[in-house]
């Protein structure tokens, strides 16, 4: 059995909470986690508790942004003229824009 751990704020986190997601939701969650720079557990905790997520720029964040923007660019090139972008693409663009805007403020 592992040793009990306290987090940085002297909280015991010994209760496990889990939930199921679709493969598409998992991809969106993983992208949001990568863009935030937080561990997945901390990202999910902050989102569930409606806490702010502050993005601190670092090389890992910039690499995640580049990958996300490459994916968006590929999808935009695929869309033919006059076709509406999917809701997922719009959500990804919104998330990336928010992250970039948050980093610009620092």
PDB file of N, CA and C in Angstrom:
ATOM      1  N   UNK A   1       0.839  -1.182   0.000  1.00  0.00           N
ATOM      2  CA  UNK A   1       0.000   0.000   0.000  1.00  0.00           C
ATOM      3  C   UNK A   1       0.883   1.245   0.000  1.00  0.00           C
ATOM      4  N   UNK A   2       0.473   2.245  -0.744  1.00  0.00           N
ATOM      5  CA  UNK A   2       1.294   3.445  -0.844  1.00  0.00           C
ATOM      6  C   UNK A   2       1.143   4.328   0.385  1.00  0.00           C
ATOM      7  N   UNK A   3       2.131   5.168   0.585  1.00  0.00           N
ATOM      8  CA  UNK A   3       2.099   6.081   1.721  1.00  0.00           C
ATOM      9  C   UNK A   3       1.068   7.175   1.480  1.00  0.00           C
ATOM     10  N   UNK A   4       0.464   7.678   2.547  1.00  0.00           N
ATOM     11  CA  UNK A   4      -0.499   8.766   2.434  1.00  0.00           C
ATOM     12  C   UNK A   4       0.245  10.051   2.108  1.00  0.00           C
ATOM     13  N   UNK A   5      -0.358  10.859   1.258  1.00  0.00           N
ATOM     14  CA  UNK A   5       0.285  12.092   0.821  1.00  0.00           C
ATOM     15  C   UNK A   5      -0.627  13.280   1.056  1.00  0.00           C
ATOM     16  N   UNK A   6      -0.004  14.387   1.398  1.00  0.00           N
ATOM     17  CA  UNK A   6      -0.691  15.675   1.477  1.00  0.00           C
ATOM     18  C   UNK A   6      -0.277  16.474   0.253  1.00  0.00           C
ATOM     19  N   UNK A   7      -1.194  17.286  -0.270  1.00  0.00           N
ATOM     20  CA  UNK A   7      -0.808  18.135  -1.394  1.00  0.00           C
ATOM     21  C   UNK A   7      -0.160  19.412  -0.860  1.00  0.00           C
ATOM     22  N   UNK A   8       0.108  20.358  -1.750  1.00  0.00           N
ATOM     23  CA  UNK A   8       0.800  21.594  -1.363  1.00  0.00           C
ATOM     24  C   UNK A   8       0.000  22.461  -0.398  1.00  0.00           C
ATOM     25  N   UNK A   9      -1.304  22.246  -0.341  1.00  0.00           N
ATOM     26  CA  UNK A   9      -2.160  23.060   0.530  1.00  0.00           C
ATOM     27  C   UNK A   9      -2.612  22.281   1.762  1.00  0.00           C
ATOM     28  N   UNK A  10      -1.847  21.249   2.109  1.00  0.00           N
ATOM     29  CA  UNK A  10      -2.097  20.440   3.297  1.00  0.00           C
ATOM     30  C   UNK A  10      -3.478  19.781   3.280  1.00  0.00           C
ATOM     31  N   UNK A  11      -3.898  19.303   2.094  1.00  0.00           N
ATOM     32  CA  UNK A  11      -5.167  18.596   1.950  1.00  0.00           C
ATOM     33  C   UNK A  11      -4.886  17.124   1.713  1.00  0.00           C
ATOM     34  N   UNK A  12      -5.668  16.286   2.360  1.00  0.00           N
ATOM     35  CA  UNK A  12      -5.588  14.860   2.107  1.00  0.00           C
ATOM     36  C   UNK A  12      -6.535  14.555   0.955  1.00  0.00           C
ATOM     37  N   UNK A  13      -6.003  14.043  -0.114  1.00  0.00           N
ATOM     38  CA  UNK A  13      -6.832  13.655  -1.258  1.00  0.00           C
ATOM     39  C   UNK A  13      -6.760  12.138  -1.387  1.00  0.00           C
ATOM     40  N   UNK A  14      -7.629  11.475  -0.656  1.00  0.00           N
ATOM     41  CA  UNK A  14      -7.590  10.023  -0.646  1.00  0.00           C
ATOM     42  C   UNK A  14      -8.882   9.391  -1.178  1.00  0.00           C
ATOM     43  N   UNK A  15      -9.766  10.176  -1.760  1.00  0.00           N
ATOM     44  CA  UNK A  15     -11.003   9.653  -2.336  1.00  0.00           C
ATOM     45  C   UNK A  15     -10.882   9.722  -3.855  1.00  0.00           C
ATOM     46  N   UNK A  16     -11.199   8.617  -4.515  1.00  0.00           N
ATOM     47  CA  UNK A  16     -11.102   8.549  -5.966  1.00  0.00           C
ATOM     48  C   UNK A  16     -12.455   8.856  -6.583  1.00  0.00           C
ATOM     49  N   UNK A  17     -12.449   9.717  -7.593  1.00  0.00           N
ATOM     50  CA  UNK A  17     -13.643  10.038  -8.356  1.00  0.00           C
ATOM     51  C   UNK A  17     -13.326   9.744  -9.811  1.00  0.00           C
ATOM     52  N   UNK A  18     -14.204   9.016 -10.479  1.00  0.00           N
ATOM     53  CA  UNK A  18     -13.963   8.681 -11.878  1.00  0.00           C
ATOM     54  C   UNK A  18     -15.211   8.899 -12.703  1.00  0.00           C
ATOM     55  N   UNK A  19     -15.033   9.035 -13.996  1.00  0.00           N
ATOM     56  CA  UNK A  19     -16.165   9.185 -14.895  1.00  0.00           C
ATOM     57  C   UNK A  19     -15.773   8.663 -16.264  1.00  0.00           C
ATOM     58  N   UNK A  20     -16.772   8.314 -17.044  1.00  0.00           N
ATOM     59  CA  UNK A  20     -16.545   7.780 -18.375  1.00  0.00           C
ATOM     60  C   UNK A  20     -16.759   8.868 -19.424  1.00  0.00           C
ATOM     61  N   UNK A  21     -15.961   8.796 -20.485  1.00  0.00           N
ATOM     62  CA  UNK A  21     -16.087   9.731 -21.595  1.00  0.00           C
ATOM     63  C   UNK A  21     -15.999   8.952 -22.902  1.00  0.00           C
ATOM     64  N   UNK A  22     -16.499   9.550 -23.963  1.00  0.00           N
ATOM     65  CA  UNK A  22     -16.383   8.950 -25.291  1.00  0.00           C
ATOM     66  C   UNK A  22     -14.968   9.194 -25.806  1.00  0.00           C
ATOM     67  N   UNK A  23     -14.555   8.495 -26.858  1.00  0.00           N
ATOM     68  CA  UNK A  23     -13.224   8.757 -27.424  1.00  0.00           C
ATOM     69  C   UNK A  23     -13.063  10.209 -27.877  1.00  0.00           C
ATOM     70  N   UNK A  24     -14.116  10.803 -28.419  1.00  0.00           N
ATOM     71  CA  UNK A  24     -14.051  12.192 -28.857  1.00  0.00           C
ATOM     72  C   UNK A  24     -13.902  13.128 -27.661  1.00  0.00           C
ATOM     73  N   UNK A  25     -14.659  12.852 -26.594  1.00  0.00           N
ATOM     74  CA  UNK A  25     -14.550  13.673 -25.377  1.00  0.00           C
ATOM     75  C   UNK A  25     -13.167  13.518 -24.749  1.00  0.00           C
ATOM     76  N   UNK A  26     -12.626  12.301 -24.799  1.00  0.00           N
ATOM     77  CA  UNK A  26     -11.291  12.061 -24.256  1.00  0.00           C
ATOM     78  C   UNK A  26     -10.248  12.869 -25.020  1.00  0.00           C
ATOM     79  N   UNK A  27     -10.395  12.919 -26.340  1.00  0.00           N
ATOM     80  CA  UNK A  27      -9.471  13.705 -27.154  1.00  0.00           C
ATOM     81  C   UNK A  27      -9.554  15.188 -26.805  1.00  0.00           C
ATOM     82  N   UNK A  28     -10.776  15.705 -26.649  1.00  0.00           N
ATOM     83  CA  UNK A  28     -10.950  17.114 -26.279  1.00  0.00           C
ATOM     84  C   UNK A  28     -10.379  17.391 -24.892  1.00  0.00           C
ATOM     85  N   UNK A  29     -10.639  16.468 -23.949  1.00  0.00           N
ATOM     86  CA  UNK A  29     -10.118  16.636 -22.592  1.00  0.00           C
ATOM     87  C   UNK A  29      -8.594  16.630 -22.603  1.00  0.00           C
ATOM     88  N   UNK A  30      -8.003  15.687 -23.321  1.00  0.00           N
ATOM     89  CA  UNK A  30      -6.540  15.617 -23.379  1.00  0.00           C
ATOM     90  C   UNK A  30      -5.945  16.865 -24.013  1.00  0.00           C
ATOM     91  N   UNK A  31      -6.611  17.398 -25.047  1.00  0.00           N
ATOM     92  CA  UNK A  31      -6.112  18.624 -25.680  1.00  0.00           C
ATOM     93  C   UNK A  31      -6.183  19.795 -24.693  1.00  0.00           C
ATOM     94  N   UNK A  32      -7.297  19.924 -23.977  1.00  0.00           N
ATOM     95  CA  UNK A  32      -7.449  21.017 -23.010  1.00  0.00           C
ATOM     96  C   UNK A  32      -6.416  20.895 -21.893  1.00  0.00           C
ATOM     97  N   UNK A  33      -6.173  19.671 -21.432  1.00  0.00           N
ATOM     98  CA  UNK A  33      -5.166  19.451 -20.384  1.00  0.00           C
ATOM     99  C   UNK A  33      -3.786  19.843 -20.896  1.00  0.00           C
ATOM    100  N   UNK A  34      -3.459  19.430 -22.121  1.00  0.00           N
ATOM    101  CA  UNK A  34      -2.140  19.757 -22.681  1.00  0.00           C
ATOM    102  C   UNK A  34      -1.967  21.265 -22.822  1.00  0.00           C
ATOM    103  N   UNK A  35      -3.024  21.952 -23.235  1.00  0.00           N
ATOM    104  CA  UNK A  35      -2.931  23.403 -23.413  1.00  0.00           C
ATOM    105  C   UNK A  35      -2.880  24.148 -22.083  1.00  0.00           C
ATOM    106  N   UNK A  36      -3.390  23.529 -21.024  1.00  0.00           N
ATOM    107  CA  UNK A  36      -3.389  24.205 -19.722  1.00  0.00           C
ATOM    108  C   UNK A  36      -2.043  24.092 -19.014  1.00  0.00           C
ATOM    109  N   UNK A  37      -1.310  23.012 -19.296  1.00  0.00           N
ATOM    110  CA  UNK A  37      -0.035  22.789 -18.621  1.00  0.00           C
ATOM    111  C   UNK A  37      -0.185  22.153 -17.257  1.00  0.00           C
ATOM    112  N   UNK A  38      -1.395  21.783 -16.883  1.00  0.00           N
ATOM    113  CA  UNK A  38      -1.658  21.159 -15.589  1.00  0.00           C
ATOM    114  C   UNK A  38      -1.730  19.649 -15.742  1.00  0.00           C
ATOM    115  N   UNK A  39      -1.507  18.909 -14.646  1.00  0.00           N
ATOM    116  CA  UNK A  39      -1.804  17.480 -14.693  1.00  0.00           C
ATOM    117  C   UNK A  39      -3.313  17.278 -14.881  1.00  0.00           C
ATOM    118  N   UNK A  40      -3.692  16.159 -15.476  1.00  0.00           N
ATOM    119  CA  UNK A  40      -5.102  15.909 -15.781  1.00  0.00           C
ATOM    120  C   UNK A  40      -5.963  15.965 -14.522  1.00  0.00           C
ATOM    121  N   UNK A  41      -5.478  15.397 -13.425  1.00  0.00           N
ATOM    122  CA  UNK A  41      -6.242  15.408 -12.184  1.00  0.00           C
ATOM    123  C   UNK A  41      -6.520  16.834 -11.725  1.00  0.00           C
ATOM    124  N   UNK A  42      -5.500  17.663 -11.737  1.00  0.00           N
ATOM    125  CA  UNK A  42      -5.658  19.043 -11.270  1.00  0.00           C
ATOM    126  C   UNK A  42      -6.567  19.831 -12.207  1.00  0.00           C
ATOM    127  N   UNK A  43      -6.434  19.608 -13.517  1.00  0.00           N
ATOM    128  CA  UNK A  43      -7.286  20.290 -14.483  1.00  0.00           C
ATOM    129  C   UNK A  43      -8.755  19.930 -14.241  1.00  0.00           C
ATOM    130  N   UNK A  44      -9.042  18.628 -14.114  1.00  0.00           N
ATOM    131  CA  UNK A  44     -10.426  18.184 -13.891  1.00  0.00           C
ATOM    132  C   UNK A  44     -10.968  18.718 -12.566  1.00  0.00           C
ATOM    133  N   UNK A  45     -10.133  18.699 -11.535  1.00  0.00           N
ATOM    134  CA  UNK A  45     -10.558  19.210 -10.234  1.00  0.00           C
ATOM    135  C   UNK A  45     -10.932  20.683 -10.328  1.00  0.00           C
ATOM    136  N   UNK A  46     -10.070  21.484 -10.949  1.00  0.00           N
ATOM    137  CA  UNK A  46     -10.342  22.929 -11.049  1.00  0.00           C
ATOM    138  C   UNK A  46     -11.583  23.213 -11.883  1.00  0.00           C
ATOM    139  N   UNK A  47     -11.765  22.474 -12.974  1.00  0.00           N
ATOM    140  CA  UNK A  47     -12.952  22.682 -13.805  1.00  0.00           C
ATOM    141  C   UNK A  47     -14.217  22.286 -13.046  1.00  0.00           C
ATOM    142  N   UNK A  48     -14.179  21.189 -12.334  1.00  0.00           N
ATOM    143  CA  UNK A  48     -15.356  20.733 -11.577  1.00  0.00           C
ATOM    144  C   UNK A  48     -15.716  21.712 -10.462  1.00  0.00           C
ATOM    145  N   UNK A  49     -14.713  22.298  -9.843  1.00  0.00           N
ATOM    146  CA  UNK A  49     -14.942  23.230  -8.747  1.00  0.00           C
ATOM    147  C   UNK A  49     -15.107  24.665  -9.237  1.00  0.00           C
ATOM    148  N   UNK A  50     -15.119  24.853 -10.552  1.00  0.00           N
ATOM    149  CA  UNK A  50     -15.309  26.154 -11.190  1.00  0.00           C
ATOM    150  C   UNK A  50     -14.224  27.156 -10.773  1.00  0.00           C
ATOM    151  N   UNK A  51     -13.006  26.642 -10.590  1.00  0.00           N
ATOM    152  CA  UNK A  51     -11.854  27.495 -10.288  1.00  0.00           C
ATOM    153  C   UNK A  51     -11.199  27.944 -11.586  1.00  0.00           C
ATOM    154  N   UNK A  52     -10.495  29.068 -11.536  1.00  0.00           N
ATOM    155  CA  UNK A  52      -9.796  29.560 -12.710  1.00  0.00           C
ATOM    156  C   UNK A  52      -8.609  28.664 -13.038  1.00  0.00           C
ATOM    157  N   UNK A  53      -8.330  28.562 -14.316  1.00  0.00           N
ATOM    158  CA  UNK A  53      -7.154  27.834 -14.776  1.00  0.00           C
ATOM    159  C   UNK A  53      -6.239  28.857 -15.420  1.00  0.00           C
ATOM    160  N   UNK A  54      -5.105  29.096 -14.790  1.00  0.00           N
ATOM    161  CA  UNK A  54      -4.143  30.072 -15.278  1.00  0.00           C
ATOM    162  C   UNK A  54      -3.085  29.345 -16.092  1.00  0.00           C
ATOM    163  N   UNK A  55      -2.913  29.780 -17.321  1.00  0.00           N
ATOM    164  CA  UNK A  55      -1.927  29.170 -18.205  1.00  0.00           C
ATOM    165  C   UNK A  55      -0.614  29.923 -18.054  1.00  0.00           C
ATOM    166  N   UNK A  56       0.421  29.197 -17.661  1.00  0.00           N
ATOM    167  CA  UNK A  56       1.750  29.780 -17.544  1.00  0.00           C
ATOM    168  C   UNK A  56       2.561  29.318 -18.748  1.00  0.00           C
ATOM    169  N   UNK A  57       2.981  30.253 -19.610  1.00  0.00           N
ATOM    170  CA  UNK A  57       3.695  29.852 -20.826  1.00  0.00           C
ATOM    171  C   UNK A  57       5.002  29.125 -20.507  1.00  0.00           C
ATOM    172  N   UNK A  58       5.230  28.055 -21.222  1.00  0.00           N
ATOM    173  CA  UNK A  58       6.489  27.329 -21.162  1.00  0.00           C
ATOM    174  C   UNK A  58       6.620  26.547 -22.464  1.00  0.00           C
ATOM    175  N   UNK A  59       7.772  25.956 -22.740  1.00  0.00           N
ATOM    176  CA  UNK A  59       7.955  25.261 -24.020  1.00  0.00           C
ATOM    177  C   UNK A  59       6.938  24.149 -24.268  1.00  0.00           C
ATOM    178  N   UNK A  60       6.535  23.440 -23.226  1.00  0.00           N
ATOM    179  CA  UNK A  60       5.556  22.364 -23.384  1.00  0.00           C
ATOM    180  C   UNK A  60       4.208  22.912 -23.834  1.00  0.00           C
ATOM    181  N   UNK A  61       3.807  24.062 -23.298  1.00  0.00           N
ATOM    182  CA  UNK A  61       2.543  24.697 -23.677  1.00  0.00           C
ATOM    183  C   UNK A  61       2.608  25.143 -25.137  1.00  0.00           C
ATOM    184  N   UNK A  62       3.723  25.749 -25.533  1.00  0.00           N
ATOM    185  CA  UNK A  62       3.854  26.209 -26.911  1.00  0.00           C
ATOM    186  C   UNK A  62       3.830  25.038 -27.892  1.00  0.00           C
ATOM    187  N   UNK A  63       4.424  23.904 -27.516  1.00  0.00           N
ATOM    188  CA  UNK A  63       4.386  22.723 -28.380  1.00  0.00           C
ATOM    189  C   UNK A  63       2.953  22.213 -28.497  1.00  0.00           C
ATOM    190  N   UNK A  64       2.209  22.184 -27.396  1.00  0.00           N
ATOM    191  CA  UNK A  64       0.812  21.745 -27.427  1.00  0.00           C
ATOM    192  C   UNK A  64      -0.028  22.695 -28.284  1.00  0.00           C
ATOM    193  N   UNK A  65       0.231  23.991 -28.170  1.00  0.00           N
ATOM    194  CA  UNK A  65      -0.491  24.964 -28.996  1.00  0.00           C
ATOM    195  C   UNK A  65      -0.177  24.765 -30.477  1.00  0.00           C
ATOM    196  N   UNK A  66       1.085  24.533 -30.798  1.00  0.00           N
ATOM    197  CA  UNK A  66       1.466  24.315 -32.188  1.00  0.00           C
ATOM    198  C   UNK A  66       0.774  23.077 -32.747  1.00  0.00           C
ATOM    199  N   UNK A  67       0.751  22.003 -31.982  1.00  0.00           N
ATOM    200  CA  UNK A  67       0.091  20.777 -32.424  1.00  0.00           C
ATOM    201  C   UNK A  67      -1.401  21.009 -32.621  1.00  0.00           C
ATOM    202  N   UNK A  68      -2.031  21.694 -31.667  1.00  0.00           N
ATOM    203  CA  UNK A  68      -3.469  21.968 -31.773  1.00  0.00           C
ATOM    204  C   UNK A  68      -3.760  22.859 -32.979  1.00  0.00           C
ATOM    205  N   UNK A  69      -2.941  23.870 -33.201  1.00  0.00           N
ATOM    206  CA  UNK A  69      -3.153  24.757 -34.344  1.00  0.00           C
ATOM    207  C   UNK A  69      -2.915  24.029 -35.665  1.00  0.00           C
ATOM    208  N   UNK A  70      -1.951  23.112 -35.701  1.00  0.00           N
ATOM    209  CA  UNK A  70      -1.740  22.307 -36.904  1.00  0.00           C
ATOM    210  C   UNK A  70      -2.971  21.462 -37.216  1.00  0.00           C
ATOM    211  N   UNK A  71      -3.560  20.869 -36.176  1.00  0.00           N
ATOM    212  CA  UNK A  71      -4.777  20.067 -36.358  1.00  0.00           C
ATOM    213  C   UNK A  71      -5.931  20.929 -36.864  1.00  0.00           C
ATOM    214  N   UNK A  72      -6.076  22.114 -36.289  1.00  0.00           N
ATOM    215  CA  UNK A  72      -7.141  23.028 -36.721  1.00  0.00           C
ATOM    216  C   UNK A  72      -6.906  23.444 -38.170  1.00  0.00           C
ATOM    217  N   UNK A  73      -5.665  23.768 -38.510  1.00  0.00           N
ATOM    218  CA  UNK A  73      -5.354  24.187 -39.874  1.00  0.00           C
ATOM    219  C   UNK A  73      -5.658  23.062 -40.873  1.00  0.00           C
ATOM    220  N   UNK A  74      -5.294  21.837 -40.526  1.00  0.00           N
ATOM    221  CA  UNK A  74      -5.581  20.695 -41.391  1.00  0.00           C
ATOM    222  C   UNK A  74      -7.078  20.541 -41.601  1.00  0.00           C
ATOM    223  N   UNK A  75      -7.839  20.673 -40.531  1.00  0.00           N
ATOM    224  CA  UNK A  75      -9.303  20.544 -40.624  1.00  0.00           C
ATOM    225  C   UNK A  75      -9.900  21.683 -41.444  1.00  0.00           C
ATOM    226  N   UNK A  76      -9.401  22.892 -41.272  1.00  0.00           N
ATOM    227  CA  UNK A  76      -9.914  24.029 -42.045  1.00  0.00           C
ATOM    228  C   UNK A  76      -9.617  23.873 -43.538  1.00  0.00           C
ATOM    229  N   UNK A  77      -8.450  23.347 -43.875  1.00  0.00           N
ATOM    230  CA  UNK A  77      -8.129  23.107 -45.287  1.00  0.00           C
ATOM    231  C   UNK A  77      -9.028  22.031 -45.880  1.00  0.00           C
ATOM    232  N   UNK A  78      -9.436  21.061 -45.057  1.00  0.00           N
ATOM    233  CA  UNK A  78     -10.282  19.969 -45.516  1.00  0.00           C
ATOM    234  C   UNK A  78     -11.696  20.449 -45.841  1.00  0.00           C
ATOM    235  N   UNK A  79     -12.152  21.433 -45.097  1.00  0.00           N
ATOM    236  CA  UNK A  79     -13.510  21.924 -45.287  1.00  0.00           C
ATOM    237  C   UNK A  79     -13.606  22.629 -46.635  1.00  0.00           C
ATOM    238  N   UNK A  80     -14.584  22.239 -47.398  1.00  0.00           N
ATOM    239  CA  UNK A  80     -14.743  22.879 -48.705  1.00  0.00           C
ATOM    240  C   UNK A  80     -15.441  24.225 -48.529  1.00  0.00           C
ATOM    241  N   UNK A  81     -15.329  25.044 -49.539  1.00  0.00           N
ATOM    242  CA  UNK A  81     -15.944  26.377 -49.484  1.00  0.00           C
ATOM    243  C   UNK A  81     -17.448  26.229 -49.299  1.00  0.00           C
ATOM    244  N   UNK A  82     -17.991  26.976 -48.378  1.00  0.00           N
ATOM    245  CA  UNK A  82     -19.429  26.962 -48.125  1.00  0.00           C
ATOM    246  C   UNK A  82     -19.878  25.945 -47.098  1.00  0.00           C
ATOM    247  N   UNK A  83     -18.990  25.070 -46.645  1.00  0.00           N
ATOM    248  CA  UNK A  83     -19.336  24.071 -45.638  1.00  0.00           C
ATOM    249  C   UNK A  83     -19.101  24.656 -44.255  1.00  0.00           C
ATOM    250  N   UNK A  84     -20.025  24.423 -43.357  1.00  0.00           N
ATOM    251  CA  UNK A  84     -19.892  24.914 -41.985  1.00  0.00           C
ATOM    252  C   UNK A  84     -18.902  24.043 -41.208  1.00  0.00           C
ATOM    253  N   UNK A  85     -18.038  24.652 -40.394  1.00  0.00           N
ATOM    254  CA  UNK A  85     -17.130  23.848 -39.561  1.00  0.00           C
ATOM    255  C   UNK A  85     -17.913  23.107 -38.483  1.00  0.00           C
ATOM    256  N   UNK A  86     -17.382  21.970 -38.056  1.00  0.00           N
ATOM    257  CA  UNK A  86     -18.041  21.171 -37.027  1.00  0.00           C
ATOM    258  C   UNK A  86     -18.006  21.900 -35.680  1.00  0.00           C
ATOM    259  N   UNK A  87     -18.900  21.507 -34.796  1.00  0.00           N
ATOM    260  CA  UNK A  87     -18.919  22.095 -33.450  1.00  0.00           C
ATOM    261  C   UNK A  87     -17.603  21.819 -32.713  1.00  0.00           C
ATOM    262  N   UNK A  88     -17.023  20.630 -32.932  1.00  0.00           N
ATOM    263  CA  UNK A  88     -15.759  20.295 -32.281  1.00  0.00           C
ATOM    264  C   UNK A  88     -14.652  21.253 -32.719  1.00  0.00           C
ATOM    265  N   UNK A  89     -14.606  21.551 -34.017  1.00  0.00           N
ATOM    266  CA  UNK A  89     -13.587  22.466 -34.520  1.00  0.00           C
ATOM    267  C   UNK A  89     -13.768  23.860 -33.932  1.00  0.00           C
ATOM    268  N   UNK A  90     -15.003  24.314 -33.872  1.00  0.00           N
ATOM    269  CA  UNK A  90     -15.281  25.630 -33.286  1.00  0.00           C
ATOM    270  C   UNK A  90     -14.880  25.643 -31.812  1.00  0.00           C
ATOM    271  N   UNK A  91     -15.177  24.566 -31.090  1.00  0.00           N
ATOM    272  CA  UNK A  91     -14.793  24.479 -29.677  1.00  0.00           C
ATOM    273  C   UNK A  91     -13.278  24.492 -29.518  1.00  0.00           C
ATOM    274  N   UNK A  92     -12.568  23.755 -30.398  1.00  0.00           N
ATOM    275  CA  UNK A  92     -11.103  23.742 -30.331  1.00  0.00           C
ATOM    276  C   UNK A  92     -10.533  25.129 -30.596  1.00  0.00           C
ATOM    277  N   UNK A  93     -11.060  25.807 -31.598  1.00  0.00           N
ATOM    278  CA  UNK A  93     -10.579  27.150 -31.920  1.00  0.00           C
ATOM    279  C   UNK A  93     -10.837  28.099 -30.753  1.00  0.00           C
ATOM    280  N   UNK A  94     -12.001  27.995 -30.140  1.00  0.00           N
ATOM    281  CA  UNK A  94     -12.344  28.838 -28.990  1.00  0.00           C
ATOM    282  C   UNK A  94     -11.386  28.577 -27.829  1.00  0.00           C
ATOM    283  N   UNK A  95     -11.111  27.298 -27.549  1.00  0.00           N
ATOM    284  CA  UNK A  95     -10.205  26.940 -26.462  1.00  0.00           C
ATOM    285  C   UNK A  95      -8.796  27.473 -26.725  1.00  0.00           C
ATOM    286  N   UNK A  96      -8.306  27.301 -27.943  1.00  0.00           N
ATOM    287  CA  UNK A  96      -6.964  27.777 -28.291  1.00  0.00           C
ATOM    288  C   UNK A  96      -6.892  29.298 -28.188  1.00  0.00           C
ATOM    289  N   UNK A  97      -7.922  29.978 -28.686  1.00  0.00           N
ATOM    290  CA  UNK A  97      -7.944  31.443 -28.609  1.00  0.00           C
ATOM    291  C   UNK A  97      -7.940  31.914 -27.158  1.00  0.00           C
ATOM    292  N   UNK A  98      -8.705  31.235 -26.292  1.00  0.00           N
ATOM    293  CA  UNK A  98      -8.743  31.606 -24.876  1.00  0.00           C
ATOM    294  C   UNK A  98      -7.373  31.414 -24.236  1.00  0.00           C
ATOM    295  N   UNK A  99      -6.713  30.292 -24.525  1.00  0.00           N
ATOM    296  CA  UNK A  99      -5.392  30.028 -23.962  1.00  0.00           C
ATOM    297  C   UNK A  99      -4.386  31.074 -24.440  1.00  0.00           C
ATOM    298  N   UNK A 100      -4.409  31.400 -25.732  1.00  0.00           N
ATOM    299  CA  UNK A 100      -3.494  32.413 -26.253  1.00  0.00           C
ATOM    300  C   UNK A 100      -3.766  33.778 -25.633  1.00  0.00           C
ATOM    301  N   UNK A 101      -5.046  34.100 -25.473  1.00  0.00           N
ATOM    302  CA  UNK A 101      -5.416  35.375 -24.855  1.00  0.00           C
ATOM    303  C   UNK A 101      -4.947  35.432 -23.406  1.00  0.00           C
ATOM    304  N   UNK A 102      -5.078  34.322 -22.666  1.00  0.00           N
ATOM    305  CA  UNK A 102      -4.623  34.270 -21.276  1.00  0.00           C
ATOM    306  C   UNK A 102      -3.108  34.462 -21.197  1.00  0.00           C
ATOM    307  N   UNK A 103      -2.377  33.871 -22.129  1.00  0.00           N
ATOM    308  CA  UNK A 103      -0.921  34.007 -22.102  1.00  0.00           C
ATOM    309  C   UNK A 103      -0.496  35.412 -22.500  1.00  0.00           C
ATOM    310  N   UNK A 104      -1.259  36.042 -23.384  1.00  0.00           N
ATOM    311  CA  UNK A 104      -0.922  37.394 -23.813  1.00  0.00           C
ATOM    312  C   UNK A 104      -1.002  38.374 -22.639  1.00  0.00           C
ATOM    313  N   UNK A 105      -1.881  38.106 -21.670  1.00  0.00           N
ATOM    314  CA  UNK A 105      -2.054  38.998 -20.531  1.00  0.00           C
ATOM    315  C   UNK A 105      -0.889  38.977 -19.565  1.00  0.00           C
ATOM    316  N   UNK A 106      -0.036  37.955 -19.652  1.00  0.00           N
ATOM    317  CA  UNK A 106       1.091  37.843 -18.711  1.00  0.00           C
ATOM    318  C   UNK A 106       2.311  38.542 -19.217  1.00  0.00           C
TER     319      UNK A 106
END
